[in-house]
N, C-alpha and C. Protein backbone atom coordinates (compact mmCIF):
# COMPACT_ATOMS: atom_id res chain seq x y z
N UNK A 1 117.45 110.47 120.00
CA UNK A 1 117.94 111.32 118.92
C UNK A 1 119.18 110.68 118.30
N UNK A 2 119.21 110.60 117.02
CA UNK A 2 120.33 110.03 116.29
C UNK A 2 121.58 110.87 116.55
N UNK A 3 122.69 110.23 116.93
CA UNK A 3 123.90 110.98 117.28
C UNK A 3 124.55 111.64 116.05
N UNK A 4 124.54 110.96 114.93
CA UNK A 4 125.07 111.54 113.69
C UNK A 4 123.99 111.57 112.63
N UNK A 5 123.08 112.52 112.75
CA UNK A 5 121.96 112.54 111.81
C UNK A 5 122.42 112.72 110.37
N UNK A 6 121.74 112.02 109.48
CA UNK A 6 122.07 112.09 108.06
C UNK A 6 121.76 113.47 107.48
N UNK A 7 120.73 114.11 108.02
CA UNK A 7 120.26 115.40 107.52
C UNK A 7 120.29 116.36 108.71
N UNK A 8 121.47 116.96 108.93
CA UNK A 8 121.65 117.80 110.10
C UNK A 8 121.64 119.27 109.70
N UNK A 9 120.76 120.04 110.32
CA UNK A 9 120.69 121.49 110.12
C UNK A 9 120.53 122.11 111.50
N UNK A 10 121.68 122.41 112.12
CA UNK A 10 121.63 122.87 113.50
C UNK A 10 121.40 124.38 113.58
N UNK A 11 120.76 124.77 114.66
CA UNK A 11 120.52 126.18 114.97
C UNK A 11 120.94 126.39 116.42
N UNK A 12 121.83 127.37 116.64
CA UNK A 12 122.20 127.71 118.02
C UNK A 12 121.04 128.47 118.65
N UNK A 13 120.70 128.06 119.86
CA UNK A 13 119.55 128.63 120.55
C UNK A 13 119.68 130.15 120.69
N UNK A 14 120.90 130.65 120.91
CA UNK A 14 121.05 132.10 121.10
C UNK A 14 120.86 132.89 119.80
N UNK A 15 120.70 132.18 118.68
CA UNK A 15 120.45 132.87 117.41
C UNK A 15 118.96 132.92 117.06
N UNK A 16 118.15 132.18 117.79
CA UNK A 16 116.72 132.05 117.44
C UNK A 16 116.05 133.42 117.31
N UNK A 17 116.33 134.32 118.24
CA UNK A 17 115.70 135.64 118.20
C UNK A 17 116.04 136.43 116.95
N UNK A 18 117.21 136.14 116.35
CA UNK A 18 117.64 136.88 115.16
C UNK A 18 117.15 136.24 113.85
N UNK A 19 116.61 135.04 113.95
CA UNK A 19 116.18 134.32 112.75
C UNK A 19 114.72 134.66 112.45
N UNK A 20 114.49 135.87 112.00
CA UNK A 20 113.11 136.28 111.71
C UNK A 20 112.67 135.70 110.37
N UNK A 21 111.36 135.56 110.22
CA UNK A 21 110.82 135.11 108.94
C UNK A 21 110.87 133.61 108.77
N UNK A 22 110.68 133.19 107.56
CA UNK A 22 110.60 131.76 107.26
C UNK A 22 111.95 131.24 106.80
N UNK A 23 112.34 130.12 107.37
CA UNK A 23 113.59 129.46 107.01
C UNK A 23 113.26 128.27 106.13
N UNK A 24 114.20 127.93 105.25
CA UNK A 24 113.99 126.81 104.33
C UNK A 24 115.18 125.86 104.44
N UNK A 25 114.92 124.58 104.57
CA UNK A 25 115.98 123.57 104.51
C UNK A 25 115.57 122.49 103.53
N UNK A 26 116.57 121.90 102.90
CA UNK A 26 116.31 120.87 101.90
C UNK A 26 117.44 119.84 101.96
N UNK A 27 117.08 118.57 101.92
CA UNK A 27 118.07 117.50 101.95
C UNK A 27 118.65 117.29 100.55
N UNK A 28 119.98 117.15 100.48
CA UNK A 28 120.60 116.86 99.18
C UNK A 28 120.53 115.36 98.89
N UNK A 29 121.02 114.97 97.74
CA UNK A 29 120.86 113.57 97.31
C UNK A 29 121.51 112.59 98.28
N UNK A 30 122.72 112.87 98.74
CA UNK A 30 123.41 111.96 99.67
C UNK A 30 122.64 111.85 100.98
N UNK A 31 122.12 112.98 101.47
CA UNK A 31 121.33 112.96 102.70
C UNK A 31 120.04 112.17 102.52
N UNK A 32 119.40 112.36 101.37
CA UNK A 32 118.14 111.63 101.10
C UNK A 32 118.42 110.12 101.00
N UNK A 33 119.51 109.75 100.35
CA UNK A 33 119.86 108.31 100.23
C UNK A 33 120.09 107.70 101.62
N UNK A 34 120.80 108.43 102.47
CA UNK A 34 121.08 107.94 103.82
C UNK A 34 119.79 107.83 104.65
N UNK A 35 118.91 108.82 104.52
CA UNK A 35 117.63 108.77 105.23
C UNK A 35 116.76 107.62 104.71
N UNK A 36 116.79 107.38 103.41
CA UNK A 36 116.02 106.28 102.83
C UNK A 36 116.47 104.95 103.44
N UNK A 37 117.78 104.78 103.59
CA UNK A 37 118.30 103.55 104.21
C UNK A 37 117.81 103.46 105.67
N UNK A 38 117.93 104.55 106.40
CA UNK A 38 117.54 104.54 107.81
C UNK A 38 116.07 104.20 108.01
N UNK A 39 115.20 104.77 107.18
CA UNK A 39 113.76 104.57 107.35
C UNK A 39 113.21 103.43 106.51
N UNK A 40 114.09 102.68 105.83
CA UNK A 40 113.65 101.52 105.04
C UNK A 40 112.82 101.89 103.83
N UNK A 41 113.15 103.02 103.19
CA UNK A 41 112.39 103.48 102.03
C UNK A 41 112.98 102.91 100.74
N UNK A 42 112.13 102.73 99.75
CA UNK A 42 112.60 102.34 98.42
C UNK A 42 113.30 103.54 97.77
N UNK A 43 112.78 104.75 98.04
CA UNK A 43 113.40 105.97 97.52
C UNK A 43 112.92 107.17 98.32
N UNK A 44 113.74 108.22 98.30
CA UNK A 44 113.37 109.50 98.89
C UNK A 44 113.86 110.55 97.91
N UNK A 45 112.93 111.06 97.10
CA UNK A 45 113.30 111.98 96.02
C UNK A 45 113.28 113.44 96.44
N UNK A 46 112.63 113.73 97.56
CA UNK A 46 112.53 115.11 97.99
C UNK A 46 112.25 115.14 99.49
N UNK A 47 112.94 116.03 100.19
CA UNK A 47 112.63 116.30 101.59
C UNK A 47 113.02 117.74 101.85
N UNK A 48 112.03 118.55 102.18
CA UNK A 48 112.29 119.96 102.46
C UNK A 48 111.28 120.47 103.46
N UNK A 49 111.63 121.58 104.08
CA UNK A 49 110.72 122.18 105.06
C UNK A 49 110.89 123.69 105.07
N UNK A 50 109.80 124.36 105.34
CA UNK A 50 109.79 125.80 105.58
C UNK A 50 109.24 125.96 106.99
N UNK A 51 109.89 126.80 107.79
CA UNK A 51 109.46 126.91 109.18
C UNK A 51 109.92 128.23 109.78
N UNK A 52 109.31 128.56 110.89
CA UNK A 52 109.72 129.70 111.69
C UNK A 52 110.02 129.23 113.10
N UNK A 53 110.94 129.91 113.77
CA UNK A 53 111.31 129.56 115.14
C UNK A 53 110.99 130.71 116.08
N UNK A 54 110.44 130.38 117.23
CA UNK A 54 110.21 131.38 118.27
C UNK A 54 110.62 130.82 119.62
N UNK A 55 110.93 131.70 120.53
CA UNK A 55 111.26 131.31 121.90
C UNK A 55 110.02 131.59 122.73
N UNK A 56 109.40 130.53 123.25
CA UNK A 56 108.16 130.68 124.02
C UNK A 56 108.30 129.98 125.36
N UNK A 57 108.25 130.74 126.43
CA UNK A 57 108.31 130.18 127.79
C UNK A 57 109.52 129.27 127.98
N UNK A 58 110.66 129.68 127.49
CA UNK A 58 111.88 128.90 127.69
C UNK A 58 112.02 127.70 126.77
N UNK A 59 111.09 127.51 125.87
CA UNK A 59 111.20 126.42 124.89
C UNK A 59 111.32 127.04 123.50
N UNK A 60 111.96 126.34 122.59
CA UNK A 60 112.04 126.78 121.21
C UNK A 60 110.88 126.11 120.46
N UNK A 61 110.06 126.92 119.81
CA UNK A 61 108.92 126.36 119.08
C UNK A 61 109.15 126.55 117.58
N UNK A 62 109.01 125.45 116.85
CA UNK A 62 109.15 125.48 115.39
C UNK A 62 107.79 125.18 114.79
N UNK A 63 107.31 126.10 113.95
CA UNK A 63 106.06 125.89 113.24
C UNK A 63 106.38 125.90 111.76
N UNK A 64 105.88 124.90 111.04
CA UNK A 64 106.18 124.90 109.62
C UNK A 64 105.48 123.80 108.87
N UNK A 65 106.06 123.50 107.71
CA UNK A 65 105.48 122.52 106.79
C UNK A 65 106.60 121.67 106.22
N UNK A 66 106.42 120.37 106.24
CA UNK A 66 107.39 119.44 105.64
C UNK A 66 106.78 118.89 104.36
N UNK A 67 107.60 118.80 103.32
CA UNK A 67 107.18 118.22 102.05
C UNK A 67 108.19 117.16 101.64
N UNK A 68 107.67 116.01 101.24
CA UNK A 68 108.55 114.92 100.83
C UNK A 68 107.90 114.13 99.71
N UNK A 69 108.75 113.56 98.86
CA UNK A 69 108.32 112.62 97.83
C UNK A 69 109.14 111.36 98.07
N UNK A 70 108.45 110.26 98.32
CA UNK A 70 109.15 109.04 98.69
C UNK A 70 108.40 107.83 98.19
N UNK A 71 109.01 106.68 98.33
CA UNK A 71 108.34 105.41 98.06
C UNK A 71 108.76 104.43 99.14
N UNK A 72 107.77 103.74 99.68
CA UNK A 72 108.03 102.70 100.67
C UNK A 72 107.72 101.35 100.03
N UNK A 73 108.44 100.30 100.44
CA UNK A 73 108.09 98.98 99.91
C UNK A 73 106.72 98.53 100.44
N UNK A 74 105.91 97.98 99.56
CA UNK A 74 104.61 97.43 99.94
C UNK A 74 104.83 96.33 100.98
N UNK A 75 103.98 96.30 102.02
CA UNK A 75 104.15 95.30 103.08
C UNK A 75 103.92 93.87 102.56
N UNK A 76 103.20 93.73 101.47
CA UNK A 76 102.89 92.40 100.96
C UNK A 76 103.83 91.98 99.83
N UNK A 77 104.11 92.91 98.91
CA UNK A 77 104.83 92.53 97.69
C UNK A 77 106.25 93.08 97.61
N UNK A 78 106.56 94.11 98.42
CA UNK A 78 107.87 94.74 98.35
C UNK A 78 107.98 95.76 97.22
N UNK A 79 106.94 95.86 96.40
CA UNK A 79 106.92 96.82 95.29
C UNK A 79 106.88 98.23 95.88
N UNK A 80 107.69 99.18 95.33
CA UNK A 80 107.65 100.55 95.86
C UNK A 80 106.27 101.19 95.71
N UNK A 81 105.78 101.77 96.80
CA UNK A 81 104.50 102.47 96.80
C UNK A 81 104.81 103.97 96.97
N UNK A 82 104.60 104.76 95.89
CA UNK A 82 104.92 106.19 95.98
C UNK A 82 103.98 106.92 96.93
N UNK A 83 104.53 107.96 97.56
CA UNK A 83 103.75 108.74 98.51
C UNK A 83 104.28 110.17 98.51
N UNK A 84 103.36 111.12 98.59
CA UNK A 84 103.75 112.53 98.73
C UNK A 84 103.29 112.98 100.11
N UNK A 85 104.19 113.65 100.82
CA UNK A 85 103.85 114.18 102.14
C UNK A 85 103.88 115.70 102.05
N UNK A 86 102.85 116.31 102.55
CA UNK A 86 102.77 117.77 102.62
C UNK A 86 102.02 118.04 103.91
N UNK A 87 102.76 118.26 104.97
CA UNK A 87 102.16 118.22 106.30
C UNK A 87 102.69 119.36 107.16
N UNK A 88 101.78 120.00 107.88
CA UNK A 88 102.19 121.04 108.82
C UNK A 88 102.73 120.39 110.08
N UNK A 89 103.66 121.09 110.76
CA UNK A 89 104.16 120.56 112.03
C UNK A 89 104.30 121.68 113.05
N UNK A 90 104.25 121.25 114.30
CA UNK A 90 104.46 122.14 115.44
C UNK A 90 105.34 121.35 116.41
N UNK A 91 106.57 121.82 116.57
CA UNK A 91 107.54 121.12 117.42
C UNK A 91 107.93 122.04 118.57
N UNK A 92 108.05 121.45 119.73
CA UNK A 92 108.47 122.21 120.91
C UNK A 92 109.75 121.57 121.44
N UNK A 93 110.86 122.30 121.34
CA UNK A 93 112.15 121.81 121.83
C UNK A 93 112.31 122.25 123.27
N UNK A 94 112.45 121.29 124.19
CA UNK A 94 112.62 121.61 125.60
C UNK A 94 113.95 121.02 126.07
N UNK A 95 114.60 121.74 126.97
CA UNK A 95 115.89 121.28 127.48
C UNK A 95 115.67 119.97 128.24
N UNK A 96 116.45 118.94 127.87
CA UNK A 96 116.30 117.63 128.50
C UNK A 96 116.57 117.72 129.99
N UNK A 97 115.72 117.08 130.77
CA UNK A 97 115.92 117.04 132.21
C UNK A 97 115.39 118.27 132.94
N UNK A 98 114.88 119.24 132.20
CA UNK A 98 114.34 120.44 132.83
C UNK A 98 112.82 120.34 132.86
N UNK A 99 112.27 120.52 134.05
CA UNK A 99 110.81 120.48 134.17
C UNK A 99 110.26 121.85 133.76
N UNK A 100 109.01 121.88 133.40
CA UNK A 100 108.36 123.17 133.11
C UNK A 100 108.30 123.97 134.40
N UNK A 101 108.47 125.27 134.31
CA UNK A 101 108.35 126.09 135.52
C UNK A 101 106.99 125.85 136.17
N UNK A 102 106.97 125.87 137.50
CA UNK A 102 105.73 125.59 138.22
C UNK A 102 104.63 126.56 137.80
N UNK A 103 103.45 126.03 137.62
CA UNK A 103 102.33 126.88 137.23
C UNK A 103 102.23 127.07 135.72
N UNK A 104 103.22 126.57 134.95
CA UNK A 104 103.16 126.70 133.49
C UNK A 104 102.21 125.65 132.95
N UNK A 105 101.28 126.09 132.15
CA UNK A 105 100.38 125.14 131.52
C UNK A 105 100.57 125.23 130.02
N UNK A 106 100.65 124.08 129.39
CA UNK A 106 100.75 124.08 127.94
C UNK A 106 99.35 124.30 127.38
N UNK A 107 99.21 125.33 126.59
CA UNK A 107 97.91 125.66 126.00
C UNK A 107 97.62 124.76 124.80
N UNK A 108 98.64 124.05 124.35
CA UNK A 108 98.49 123.26 123.12
C UNK A 108 97.94 121.88 123.46
N UNK A 109 97.14 121.36 122.59
CA UNK A 109 96.70 119.96 122.75
C UNK A 109 97.91 119.07 122.54
N UNK A 110 98.02 118.03 123.32
CA UNK A 110 99.16 117.12 123.20
C UNK A 110 99.25 116.54 121.78
N UNK A 111 98.10 116.40 121.12
CA UNK A 111 98.10 115.84 119.76
C UNK A 111 98.70 116.80 118.75
N UNK A 112 98.66 118.09 119.06
CA UNK A 112 99.07 119.08 118.08
C UNK A 112 100.55 119.41 118.11
N UNK A 113 101.25 118.99 119.15
CA UNK A 113 102.65 119.39 119.28
C UNK A 113 103.51 118.17 119.61
N UNK A 114 104.65 118.09 118.96
CA UNK A 114 105.63 117.06 119.27
C UNK A 114 106.70 117.71 120.14
N UNK A 115 107.01 117.07 121.26
CA UNK A 115 108.02 117.61 122.17
C UNK A 115 109.33 116.89 121.92
N UNK A 116 110.40 117.65 121.73
CA UNK A 116 111.71 117.10 121.44
C UNK A 116 112.69 117.63 122.47
N UNK A 117 113.41 116.73 123.10
CA UNK A 117 114.42 117.16 124.06
C UNK A 117 115.69 117.60 123.35
N UNK A 118 116.40 118.56 123.94
CA UNK A 118 117.69 118.97 123.37
C UNK A 118 118.60 119.44 124.51
N UNK A 119 119.86 119.73 124.17
CA UNK A 119 120.88 120.00 125.20
C UNK A 119 120.88 121.42 125.75
N UNK A 120 119.99 122.27 125.27
CA UNK A 120 119.96 123.64 125.77
C UNK A 120 120.80 124.60 124.94
N UNK A 121 121.62 124.07 124.04
CA UNK A 121 122.51 124.90 123.23
C UNK A 121 122.09 124.95 121.77
N UNK A 122 121.81 123.77 121.22
CA UNK A 122 121.61 123.64 119.77
C UNK A 122 120.42 122.74 119.49
N UNK A 123 119.56 123.15 118.56
CA UNK A 123 118.50 122.25 118.07
C UNK A 123 118.88 121.84 116.66
N UNK A 124 118.41 120.66 116.24
CA UNK A 124 118.71 120.17 114.90
C UNK A 124 117.41 120.08 114.12
N UNK A 125 117.15 121.11 113.31
CA UNK A 125 115.90 121.12 112.54
C UNK A 125 115.89 120.06 111.44
N UNK A 126 117.06 119.72 110.90
CA UNK A 126 117.11 118.68 109.87
C UNK A 126 116.62 117.35 110.42
N UNK A 127 117.17 116.95 111.57
CA UNK A 127 116.77 115.70 112.20
C UNK A 127 115.30 115.75 112.61
N UNK A 128 114.86 116.90 113.14
CA UNK A 128 113.46 117.04 113.55
C UNK A 128 112.53 116.88 112.34
N UNK A 129 112.91 117.46 111.21
CA UNK A 129 112.10 117.36 109.99
C UNK A 129 112.10 115.92 109.47
N UNK A 130 113.25 115.25 109.52
CA UNK A 130 113.32 113.85 109.07
C UNK A 130 112.39 112.97 109.92
N UNK A 131 112.40 113.18 111.23
CA UNK A 131 111.53 112.40 112.11
C UNK A 131 110.06 112.74 111.89
N UNK A 132 109.79 114.02 111.62
CA UNK A 132 108.41 114.44 111.33
C UNK A 132 107.91 113.76 110.06
N UNK A 133 108.78 113.69 109.04
CA UNK A 133 108.42 112.99 107.79
C UNK A 133 108.11 111.52 108.10
N UNK A 134 108.97 110.89 108.90
CA UNK A 134 108.79 109.47 109.20
C UNK A 134 107.45 109.23 109.90
N UNK A 135 107.07 110.14 110.79
CA UNK A 135 105.78 109.99 111.49
C UNK A 135 104.59 110.21 110.57
N UNK A 136 104.80 110.99 109.50
CA UNK A 136 103.69 111.30 108.58
C UNK A 136 103.51 110.22 107.51
N UNK A 137 104.48 109.32 107.38
CA UNK A 137 104.39 108.30 106.32
C UNK A 137 103.27 107.31 106.60
N UNK A 138 102.71 106.74 105.53
CA UNK A 138 101.70 105.69 105.66
C UNK A 138 102.31 104.52 106.42
N UNK A 139 101.67 104.06 107.51
CA UNK A 139 102.28 103.02 108.34
C UNK A 139 102.50 101.68 107.63
N UNK A 140 101.53 101.17 106.91
CA UNK A 140 101.68 99.87 106.25
C UNK A 140 101.29 100.02 104.79
N UNK A 141 102.21 100.56 103.97
CA UNK A 141 101.83 100.83 102.58
C UNK A 141 101.52 99.54 101.82
N UNK A 142 100.49 99.62 100.99
CA UNK A 142 100.09 98.46 100.19
C UNK A 142 99.98 98.87 98.74
N UNK A 143 100.60 98.09 97.89
CA UNK A 143 100.48 98.30 96.46
C UNK A 143 99.06 97.94 96.04
N UNK A 144 98.59 98.52 94.90
CA UNK A 144 97.22 98.22 94.46
C UNK A 144 96.96 96.72 94.28
N UNK A 145 97.99 95.95 93.92
CA UNK A 145 97.80 94.50 93.70
C UNK A 145 98.17 93.67 94.92
N UNK A 146 98.32 94.29 96.09
CA UNK A 146 98.76 93.56 97.29
C UNK A 146 97.82 92.43 97.65
N UNK A 147 96.50 92.69 97.63
CA UNK A 147 95.55 91.65 98.02
C UNK A 147 95.64 90.44 97.10
N UNK A 148 95.77 90.69 95.79
CA UNK A 148 95.89 89.59 94.83
C UNK A 148 97.17 88.80 95.09
N UNK A 149 98.26 89.49 95.37
CA UNK A 149 99.55 88.82 95.63
C UNK A 149 99.46 87.98 96.90
N UNK A 150 98.82 88.51 97.92
CA UNK A 150 98.67 87.77 99.16
C UNK A 150 97.81 86.52 98.96
N UNK A 151 96.72 86.70 98.21
CA UNK A 151 95.81 85.57 97.96
C UNK A 151 96.55 84.47 97.20
N UNK A 152 97.34 84.90 96.20
CA UNK A 152 98.11 83.94 95.40
C UNK A 152 99.11 83.19 96.27
N UNK A 153 99.66 83.87 97.28
CA UNK A 153 100.63 83.25 98.18
C UNK A 153 99.95 82.40 99.25
N UNK A 154 98.60 82.39 99.25
CA UNK A 154 97.87 81.58 100.21
C UNK A 154 97.66 82.26 101.55
N UNK A 155 97.90 83.56 101.60
CA UNK A 155 97.67 84.30 102.84
C UNK A 155 96.18 84.63 102.94
N UNK A 156 95.58 84.32 104.07
CA UNK A 156 94.16 84.58 104.26
C UNK A 156 93.92 86.07 104.52
N UNK A 157 92.80 86.56 104.03
CA UNK A 157 92.41 87.93 104.35
C UNK A 157 91.98 87.97 105.81
N UNK A 158 91.82 89.17 106.37
CA UNK A 158 91.38 89.28 107.76
C UNK A 158 90.03 88.60 107.95
N UNK A 159 89.13 88.75 106.97
CA UNK A 159 87.80 88.13 107.09
C UNK A 159 87.94 86.61 107.09
N UNK A 160 88.78 86.08 106.20
CA UNK A 160 88.94 84.63 106.10
C UNK A 160 89.61 84.05 107.34
N UNK A 161 90.46 84.83 107.99
CA UNK A 161 91.22 84.33 109.14
C UNK A 161 90.50 84.54 110.46
N UNK A 162 89.37 85.22 110.45
CA UNK A 162 88.69 85.52 111.71
C UNK A 162 88.07 84.26 112.30
N UNK A 163 87.84 84.25 113.61
CA UNK A 163 87.24 83.06 114.24
C UNK A 163 85.85 82.76 113.70
N UNK A 164 85.19 83.77 113.13
CA UNK A 164 83.83 83.56 112.63
C UNK A 164 83.81 82.98 111.21
N UNK A 165 84.98 82.99 110.55
CA UNK A 165 85.04 82.49 109.18
C UNK A 165 84.60 81.03 109.11
N UNK A 166 85.06 80.24 110.08
CA UNK A 166 84.68 78.82 110.09
C UNK A 166 83.17 78.66 110.24
N UNK A 167 82.59 79.48 111.10
CA UNK A 167 81.14 79.42 111.29
C UNK A 167 80.41 79.82 110.02
N UNK A 168 80.92 80.88 109.36
CA UNK A 168 80.28 81.34 108.12
C UNK A 168 80.35 80.27 107.04
N UNK A 169 81.46 79.53 107.01
CA UNK A 169 81.59 78.48 105.98
C UNK A 169 80.59 77.36 106.23
N UNK A 170 80.19 77.16 107.47
CA UNK A 170 79.19 76.12 107.79
C UNK A 170 77.78 76.58 107.43
N UNK A 171 77.57 77.89 107.45
CA UNK A 171 76.25 78.44 107.19
C UNK A 171 75.82 78.06 105.77
N UNK A 172 74.67 77.53 105.66
CA UNK A 172 74.17 77.17 104.34
C UNK A 172 74.48 75.74 103.97
N UNK A 173 75.35 75.04 104.72
CA UNK A 173 75.69 73.65 104.36
C UNK A 173 74.55 72.71 104.71
N UNK A 174 73.68 73.07 105.66
CA UNK A 174 72.61 72.16 106.04
C UNK A 174 71.30 72.52 105.34
N UNK A 175 71.44 73.19 104.19
CA UNK A 175 70.27 73.46 103.39
C UNK A 175 69.51 74.71 103.75
N UNK A 176 70.00 75.53 104.69
CA UNK A 176 69.27 76.75 105.06
C UNK A 176 69.47 77.83 104.04
């Protein structure tokens, strides 16, 4: 967990029960600029989330939706590739170093929930939302002209670089 998160929205655990309904957080321009630097983005024009918090079996559970408008540099050309994120999340904040009570079974599929450790006092929904956005981003963004740029630079495509490419180039050379 980042010690000084750029987008910090802390919630004291003892207030969770009083925070009924849907909460909304939104990163301001300075926070978005700092997050863009941290995650290597060309731009981050929007980052916001709506969520609810509940206390379930000694863990704080956040259910909500993150929305972001960003651009990442293309892996081939460096050109910004715009992307919109609109993704539901389910986060389970558990006190670091505390095991689940014996006999407790998580009913959730491991794929459906992200587990985040915290100090038992305060959770940071801003940081959690920023990390959720980062996980939802396209892993290797490519601009529409990336393949042409790579070809021009002499980079082989996966097909051309495969061990079978040499064999395929021989096929047909002996008149077959």
